[in-house]
């Protein structure tokens, strides 16, 4: 499983537009066959920070995701409403039972 952890630090004047763009992306991404989970939230202590957590079945599913029209629309929203910063970390993860035995 591929896990992405994204942090977008927005500006107060652009946070609403980026939230709308991410909400559209979330809905479309969840419909993709390789998407296991896709969720976003804003930080309670800093509502201009957006967090996105994605789980993908495999790397091929994620690569396809980056080629789809809703990704292009999201990238256009980022260009029109540039965030202060954007950080994405990706992990190749193996699920383990919890709590560990």
N, C-alpha and C. Protein backbone atom coordinates (compact mmCIF):
# COMPACT_ATOMS: atom_id res chain seq x y z
N UNK A 1 0.85 -1.17 0.00
CA UNK A 1 0.00 0.00 0.00
C UNK A 1 0.89 1.24 0.00
N UNK A 2 0.49 2.24 -0.78
CA UNK A 2 1.20 3.51 -0.82
C UNK A 2 0.40 4.51 -0.01
N UNK A 3 1.08 5.21 0.89
CA UNK A 3 0.45 6.20 1.75
C UNK A 3 1.07 7.56 1.44
N UNK A 4 0.22 8.56 1.22
CA UNK A 4 0.67 9.93 1.04
C UNK A 4 0.16 10.76 2.20
N UNK A 5 1.03 11.61 2.70
CA UNK A 5 0.69 12.55 3.76
C UNK A 5 1.06 13.93 3.23
N UNK A 6 0.05 14.78 3.01
CA UNK A 6 0.25 16.08 2.38
C UNK A 6 -0.14 17.19 3.36
N UNK A 7 0.68 18.23 3.40
CA UNK A 7 0.37 19.42 4.19
C UNK A 7 0.43 20.62 3.25
N UNK A 8 -0.67 21.37 3.20
CA UNK A 8 -0.72 22.59 2.40
C UNK A 8 -0.94 23.75 3.35
N UNK A 9 0.03 24.65 3.41
CA UNK A 9 -0.10 25.85 4.23
C UNK A 9 -0.61 26.96 3.32
N UNK A 10 -1.87 27.33 3.49
CA UNK A 10 -2.49 28.31 2.60
C UNK A 10 -2.39 29.72 3.18
N UNK A 11 -2.91 30.64 2.42
CA UNK A 11 -3.04 32.03 2.86
C UNK A 11 -4.50 32.26 3.25
N UNK A 12 -4.77 33.14 4.19
CA UNK A 12 -6.16 33.37 4.59
C UNK A 12 -7.08 33.71 3.42
N UNK A 13 -6.58 34.41 2.42
CA UNK A 13 -7.41 34.79 1.30
C UNK A 13 -7.67 33.70 0.28
N UNK A 14 -6.92 32.60 0.36
CA UNK A 14 -7.06 31.53 -0.63
C UNK A 14 -7.53 30.21 -0.05
N UNK A 15 -7.65 30.13 1.26
CA UNK A 15 -7.98 28.85 1.89
C UNK A 15 -9.32 28.31 1.40
N UNK A 16 -10.31 29.14 1.22
CA UNK A 16 -11.63 28.66 0.79
C UNK A 16 -11.56 28.04 -0.60
N UNK A 17 -10.86 28.69 -1.52
CA UNK A 17 -10.74 28.15 -2.88
C UNK A 17 -10.00 26.82 -2.87
N UNK A 18 -8.96 26.71 -2.07
CA UNK A 18 -8.21 25.46 -2.03
C UNK A 18 -9.00 24.36 -1.34
N UNK A 19 -9.77 24.69 -0.32
CA UNK A 19 -10.64 23.68 0.32
C UNK A 19 -11.63 23.14 -0.70
N UNK A 20 -12.21 24.02 -1.50
CA UNK A 20 -13.15 23.58 -2.53
C UNK A 20 -12.47 22.66 -3.53
N UNK A 21 -11.25 23.02 -3.93
CA UNK A 21 -10.50 22.20 -4.90
C UNK A 21 -10.17 20.83 -4.31
N UNK A 22 -9.78 20.80 -3.05
CA UNK A 22 -9.45 19.52 -2.41
C UNK A 22 -10.71 18.68 -2.21
N UNK A 23 -11.82 19.32 -1.87
CA UNK A 23 -13.08 18.57 -1.71
C UNK A 23 -13.49 17.90 -3.01
N UNK A 24 -13.33 18.60 -4.12
CA UNK A 24 -13.62 18.02 -5.44
C UNK A 24 -12.67 16.87 -5.73
N UNK A 25 -11.40 17.06 -5.42
CA UNK A 25 -10.38 16.03 -5.63
C UNK A 25 -10.68 14.80 -4.76
N UNK A 26 -11.08 15.03 -3.52
CA UNK A 26 -11.39 13.92 -2.61
C UNK A 26 -12.50 13.05 -3.19
N UNK A 27 -13.57 13.67 -3.63
CA UNK A 27 -14.71 12.91 -4.16
C UNK A 27 -14.31 12.11 -5.40
N UNK A 28 -13.61 12.74 -6.33
CA UNK A 28 -13.21 12.05 -7.56
C UNK A 28 -12.18 10.94 -7.27
N UNK A 29 -11.25 11.21 -6.38
CA UNK A 29 -10.21 10.23 -6.07
C UNK A 29 -10.79 8.98 -5.42
N UNK A 30 -11.77 9.17 -4.54
CA UNK A 30 -12.40 8.02 -3.88
C UNK A 30 -13.07 7.08 -4.87
N UNK A 31 -13.44 7.60 -6.03
CA UNK A 31 -14.09 6.78 -7.05
C UNK A 31 -13.09 5.99 -7.89
N UNK A 32 -11.81 6.28 -7.76
CA UNK A 32 -10.80 5.56 -8.53
C UNK A 32 -10.64 4.15 -7.99
N UNK A 33 -10.44 3.17 -8.88
CA UNK A 33 -10.36 1.78 -8.43
C UNK A 33 -9.21 1.48 -7.47
N UNK A 34 -8.09 2.18 -7.56
CA UNK A 34 -6.95 1.90 -6.69
C UNK A 34 -6.93 2.68 -5.40
N UNK A 35 -7.93 3.54 -5.20
CA UNK A 35 -7.96 4.37 -3.99
C UNK A 35 -8.58 3.57 -2.84
N UNK A 36 -7.80 3.41 -1.78
CA UNK A 36 -8.28 2.72 -0.58
C UNK A 36 -8.91 3.73 0.37
N UNK A 37 -8.27 4.90 0.49
CA UNK A 37 -8.78 5.95 1.36
C UNK A 37 -8.24 7.29 0.89
N UNK A 38 -9.06 8.31 0.98
CA UNK A 38 -8.66 9.68 0.63
C UNK A 38 -9.46 10.60 1.51
N UNK A 39 -8.78 11.36 2.35
CA UNK A 39 -9.48 12.23 3.29
C UNK A 39 -8.68 13.51 3.49
N UNK A 40 -9.40 14.61 3.64
CA UNK A 40 -8.70 15.85 3.99
C UNK A 40 -9.39 16.52 5.15
N UNK A 41 -8.61 17.36 5.83
CA UNK A 41 -9.11 18.11 6.97
C UNK A 41 -8.28 19.38 7.12
N UNK A 42 -8.83 20.32 7.86
CA UNK A 42 -8.05 21.49 8.23
C UNK A 42 -7.62 21.33 9.69
N UNK A 43 -6.49 21.89 10.00
CA UNK A 43 -6.00 21.81 11.37
C UNK A 43 -6.89 22.66 12.28
N UNK A 44 -7.23 22.14 13.42
CA UNK A 44 -8.06 22.88 14.38
C UNK A 44 -7.33 24.12 14.87
N UNK A 45 -6.06 23.98 15.18
CA UNK A 45 -5.29 25.11 15.73
C UNK A 45 -4.83 26.10 14.66
N UNK A 46 -4.88 25.70 13.39
CA UNK A 46 -4.48 26.60 12.31
C UNK A 46 -5.32 26.27 11.08
N UNK A 47 -6.50 26.85 10.96
CA UNK A 47 -7.43 26.47 9.89
C UNK A 47 -6.99 26.86 8.48
N UNK A 48 -5.85 27.52 8.34
CA UNK A 48 -5.33 27.76 6.99
C UNK A 48 -4.41 26.62 6.54
N UNK A 49 -4.18 25.65 7.40
CA UNK A 49 -3.41 24.46 7.01
C UNK A 49 -4.36 23.32 6.66
N UNK A 50 -4.15 22.77 5.48
CA UNK A 50 -4.95 21.64 5.00
C UNK A 50 -4.09 20.40 5.05
N UNK A 51 -4.65 19.32 5.55
CA UNK A 51 -3.98 18.02 5.60
C UNK A 51 -4.73 17.04 4.71
N UNK A 52 -3.98 16.27 3.93
CA UNK A 52 -4.57 15.24 3.07
C UNK A 52 -3.84 13.93 3.37
N UNK A 53 -4.61 12.88 3.58
CA UNK A 53 -4.04 11.54 3.77
C UNK A 53 -4.66 10.64 2.71
N UNK A 54 -3.79 9.98 1.96
CA UNK A 54 -4.23 9.10 0.88
C UNK A 54 -3.63 7.72 1.06
N UNK A 55 -4.42 6.69 0.79
CA UNK A 55 -3.95 5.30 0.77
C UNK A 55 -4.28 4.75 -0.61
N UNK A 56 -3.28 4.23 -1.29
CA UNK A 56 -3.44 3.66 -2.63
C UNK A 56 -3.04 2.20 -2.63
N UNK A 57 -3.76 1.40 -3.39
CA UNK A 57 -3.51 -0.04 -3.44
C UNK A 57 -2.06 -0.33 -3.85
N UNK A 58 -1.56 0.41 -4.84
CA UNK A 58 -0.20 0.17 -5.33
C UNK A 58 0.30 1.40 -6.07
N UNK A 59 1.56 1.39 -6.46
CA UNK A 59 2.18 2.52 -7.12
C UNK A 59 1.55 2.80 -8.48
N UNK A 60 1.15 1.76 -9.20
CA UNK A 60 0.51 1.98 -10.50
C UNK A 60 -0.80 2.76 -10.35
N UNK A 61 -1.56 2.47 -9.31
CA UNK A 61 -2.80 3.21 -9.05
C UNK A 61 -2.52 4.69 -8.79
N UNK A 62 -1.47 4.95 -8.02
CA UNK A 62 -1.11 6.33 -7.72
C UNK A 62 -0.62 7.05 -8.98
N UNK A 63 0.19 6.36 -9.79
CA UNK A 63 0.67 6.97 -11.04
C UNK A 63 -0.50 7.33 -11.94
N UNK A 64 -1.48 6.46 -12.04
CA UNK A 64 -2.67 6.76 -12.85
C UNK A 64 -3.40 7.97 -12.28
N UNK A 65 -3.54 8.02 -10.99
CA UNK A 65 -4.21 9.14 -10.30
C UNK A 65 -3.64 10.49 -10.75
N UNK A 66 -2.32 10.55 -10.87
CA UNK A 66 -1.67 11.81 -11.24
C UNK A 66 -1.92 12.22 -12.69
N UNK A 67 -2.49 11.35 -13.50
CA UNK A 67 -2.75 11.67 -14.91
C UNK A 67 -4.20 12.04 -15.18
N UNK A 68 -5.07 11.96 -14.19
CA UNK A 68 -6.50 12.12 -14.41
C UNK A 68 -6.93 13.60 -14.39
N UNK A 69 -8.06 13.90 -15.03
CA UNK A 69 -8.52 15.29 -15.13
C UNK A 69 -8.72 16.01 -13.80
N UNK A 70 -9.18 15.30 -12.76
CA UNK A 70 -9.37 15.99 -11.49
C UNK A 70 -8.04 16.41 -10.86
N UNK A 71 -6.96 15.70 -11.18
CA UNK A 71 -5.64 16.13 -10.70
C UNK A 71 -5.20 17.39 -11.44
N UNK A 72 -5.46 17.45 -12.73
CA UNK A 72 -5.13 18.65 -13.51
C UNK A 72 -5.91 19.85 -12.98
N UNK A 73 -7.19 19.65 -12.66
CA UNK A 73 -8.01 20.74 -12.12
C UNK A 73 -7.47 21.20 -10.77
N UNK A 74 -7.04 20.25 -9.93
CA UNK A 74 -6.46 20.60 -8.64
C UNK A 74 -5.17 21.40 -8.82
N UNK A 75 -4.33 20.96 -9.73
CA UNK A 75 -3.08 21.68 -9.98
C UNK A 75 -3.34 23.10 -10.50
N UNK A 76 -4.38 23.26 -11.29
CA UNK A 76 -4.75 24.59 -11.77
C UNK A 76 -5.20 25.46 -10.59
N UNK A 77 -5.96 24.90 -9.66
CA UNK A 77 -6.38 25.64 -8.47
C UNK A 77 -5.17 26.07 -7.64
N UNK A 78 -4.18 25.20 -7.55
CA UNK A 78 -2.94 25.55 -6.83
C UNK A 78 -2.23 26.70 -7.54
N UNK A 79 -2.17 26.65 -8.87
CA UNK A 79 -1.52 27.74 -9.62
C UNK A 79 -2.25 29.07 -9.41
N UNK A 80 -3.58 29.02 -9.39
CA UNK A 80 -4.38 30.25 -9.23
C UNK A 80 -4.38 30.76 -7.79
N UNK A 81 -4.15 29.89 -6.84
CA UNK A 81 -4.19 30.23 -5.41
C UNK A 81 -2.95 29.67 -4.73
N UNK A 82 -1.78 30.20 -5.05
CA UNK A 82 -0.54 29.59 -4.55
C UNK A 82 -0.48 29.55 -3.02
N UNK A 83 -0.22 28.37 -2.47
CA UNK A 83 -0.07 28.26 -1.01
C UNK A 83 1.28 28.80 -0.57
N UNK A 84 1.39 29.07 0.73
CA UNK A 84 2.69 29.46 1.29
C UNK A 84 3.69 28.33 1.12
N UNK A 85 3.22 27.11 1.37
CA UNK A 85 4.08 25.94 1.21
C UNK A 85 3.20 24.71 0.99
N UNK A 86 3.83 23.70 0.42
CA UNK A 86 3.14 22.44 0.18
C UNK A 86 4.18 21.33 0.32
N UNK A 87 3.88 20.38 1.17
CA UNK A 87 4.81 19.28 1.43
C UNK A 87 4.08 17.96 1.27
N UNK A 88 4.70 17.05 0.53
CA UNK A 88 4.10 15.73 0.35
C UNK A 88 5.14 14.68 0.70
N UNK A 89 4.75 13.75 1.54
CA UNK A 89 5.61 12.61 1.88
C UNK A 89 4.87 11.36 1.45
N UNK A 90 5.61 10.44 0.86
CA UNK A 90 5.00 9.17 0.43
C UNK A 90 5.74 8.01 1.07
N UNK A 91 4.96 6.95 1.34
CA UNK A 91 5.49 5.79 2.03
C UNK A 91 4.97 4.52 1.37
N UNK A 92 5.82 3.54 1.25
CA UNK A 92 5.41 2.21 0.84
C UNK A 92 5.19 1.46 2.15
N UNK A 93 3.94 1.16 2.46
CA UNK A 93 3.61 0.66 3.79
C UNK A 93 3.05 -0.75 3.75
N UNK A 94 3.34 -1.48 4.79
CA UNK A 94 2.75 -2.79 5.02
C UNK A 94 1.92 -2.68 6.28
N UNK A 95 0.67 -3.06 6.19
CA UNK A 95 -0.19 -2.98 7.36
C UNK A 95 0.22 -4.05 8.37
N UNK A 96 0.26 -3.65 9.63
CA UNK A 96 0.56 -4.59 10.70
C UNK A 96 -0.62 -4.60 11.67
N UNK A 97 -0.85 -5.71 12.37
CA UNK A 97 -1.96 -5.75 13.32
C UNK A 97 -1.70 -4.77 14.47
N UNK A 98 -2.76 -4.19 14.95
CA UNK A 98 -2.64 -3.29 16.07
C UNK A 98 -3.68 -3.66 17.12
N UNK A 99 -3.33 -3.74 18.36
CA UNK A 99 -1.98 -3.51 18.87
C UNK A 99 -1.04 -4.64 18.48
N UNK A 100 0.25 -4.29 18.38
CA UNK A 100 1.22 -5.34 18.03
C UNK A 100 1.21 -6.45 19.07
N UNK A 101 1.45 -7.66 18.60
CA UNK A 101 1.46 -8.82 19.51
C UNK A 101 2.85 -9.08 20.00
